Amino acid sequence: MDGYLVVDYTQWRRREDFEAMVRDPAVEPHFRPIGELTKGEQQAYEVVYCHMTDD
């Protein structure tokens, strides 16, 4: 380990939507190169607050 941590933030409407994407065999080729470069540790969090601006 080189001491770096990279966070990839994605937000899904429902956990079931994310889980369906993970099970879809069509997405595996897109994630394969990432898996070859990293040691993935998936974490799921619940968003409890979002602050939106008019920008």
C-alpha atoms as a PDB file:
ATOM      1  CA  MET A   1       0.000   0.000   0.000  1.00  0.00           C
ATOM      2  CA  ASP A   2       1.352   3.414  -0.946  1.00  0.00           C
ATOM      3  CA  GLY A   3      -0.512   5.359   1.732  1.00  0.00           C
ATOM      4  CA  TYR A   4      -3.101   6.874  -0.611  1.00  0.00           C
ATOM      5  CA  LEU A   5      -6.826   6.493  -0.339  1.00  0.00           C
ATOM      6  CA  VAL A   6      -9.092   7.331  -3.243  1.00  0.00           C
ATOM      7  CA  VAL A   7     -12.800   7.864  -2.725  1.00  0.00           C
ATOM      8  CA  ASP A   8     -15.216   7.464  -5.590  1.00  0.00           C
ATOM      9  CA  TYR A   9     -18.511   9.029  -4.595  1.00  0.00           C
ATOM     10  CA  THR A  10     -21.698   7.921  -6.276  1.00  0.00           C
ATOM     11  CA  GLN A  11     -25.232   8.498  -5.124  1.00  0.00           C
ATOM     12  CA  TRP A  12     -28.132   6.211  -5.928  1.00  0.00           C
ATOM     13  CA  ARG A  13     -31.836   6.749  -5.305  1.00  0.00           C
ATOM     14  CA  ARG A  14     -32.153   3.326  -3.669  1.00  0.00           C
ATOM     15  CA  ARG A  15     -29.693   0.706  -2.465  1.00  0.00           C
ATOM     16  CA  GLU A  16     -31.556  -1.859  -4.611  1.00  0.00           C
ATOM     17  CA  ASP A  17     -30.696   0.156  -7.745  1.00  0.00           C
ATOM     18  CA  PHE A  18     -26.993   0.000  -6.897  1.00  0.00           C
ATOM     19  CA  GLU A  19     -27.165  -3.717  -6.127  1.00  0.00           C
ATOM     20  CA  ALA A  20     -28.902  -4.379  -9.456  1.00  0.00           C
ATOM     21  CA  MET A  21     -26.114  -2.540 -11.287  1.00  0.00           C
ATOM     22  CA  VAL A  22     -23.439  -4.571  -9.483  1.00  0.00           C
ATOM     23  CA  ARG A  23     -25.145  -7.849 -10.478  1.00  0.00           C
ATOM     24  CA  ASP A  24     -25.478  -6.809 -14.144  1.00  0.00           C
ATOM     25  CA  PRO A  25     -22.860  -8.764 -16.164  1.00  0.00           C
ATOM     26  CA  ALA A  26     -22.744  -5.963 -18.760  1.00  0.00           C
ATOM     27  CA  VAL A  27     -20.997  -3.606 -16.331  1.00  0.00           C
ATOM     28  CA  GLU A  28     -18.190  -6.021 -15.367  1.00  0.00           C
ATOM     29  CA  PRO A  29     -15.916  -5.037 -18.302  1.00  0.00           C
ATOM     30  CA  HIS A  30     -16.072  -1.411 -17.148  1.00  0.00           C
ATOM     31  CA  PHE A  31     -14.991  -2.248 -13.590  1.00  0.00           C
ATOM     32  CA  ARG A  32     -12.327  -4.848 -14.476  1.00  0.00           C
ATOM     33  CA  PRO A  33      -9.501  -2.308 -15.142  1.00  0.00           C
ATOM     34  CA  ILE A  34     -10.229  -0.566 -11.846  1.00  0.00           C
ATOM     35  CA  GLY A  35     -10.096  -3.881 -10.007  1.00  0.00           C
ATOM     36  CA  GLU A  36      -6.724  -4.628 -11.556  1.00  0.00           C
ATOM     37  CA  LEU A  37      -5.274  -1.386 -10.179  1.00  0.00           C
ATOM     38  CA  THR A  38      -6.905  -1.174  -6.768  1.00  0.00           C
ATOM     39  CA  LYS A  39      -7.889  -3.101  -3.714  1.00  0.00           C
ATOM     40  CA  GLY A  40     -11.521  -2.217  -3.394  1.00  0.00           C
ATOM     41  CA  GLU A  41     -13.237  -1.802  -0.083  1.00  0.00           C
ATOM     42  CA  GLN A  42     -16.841  -0.913  -0.730  1.00  0.00           C
ATOM     43  CA  GLN A  43     -18.643   1.105   1.897  1.00  0.00           C
ATOM     44  CA  ALA A  44     -22.241   2.235   1.791  1.00  0.00           C
ATOM     45  CA  TYR A  45     -23.413   5.302   3.655  1.00  0.00           C
ATOM     46  CA  GLU A  46     -26.778   6.931   4.064  1.00  0.00           C
ATOM     47  CA  VAL A  47     -26.988  10.570   3.035  1.00  0.00           C
ATOM     48  CA  VAL A  48     -28.676  12.468   5.847  1.00  0.00           C
ATOM     49  CA  TYR A  49     -28.292  16.020   4.570  1.00  0.00           C
ATOM     50  CA  CYS A  50     -27.716  17.748   1.226  1.00  0.00           C
ATOM     51  CA  HIS A  51     -27.255  21.477   0.776  1.00  0.00           C
ATOM     52  CA  MET A  52     -28.195  22.698  -2.674  1.00  0.00           C
ATOM     53  CA  THR A  53     -27.488  26.145  -4.125  1.00  0.00           C
ATOM     54  CA  ASP A  54     -29.074  27.962  -7.036  1.00  0.00           C
ATOM     55  CA  ASP A  55     -25.811  27.996  -9.033  1.00  0.00           C
END
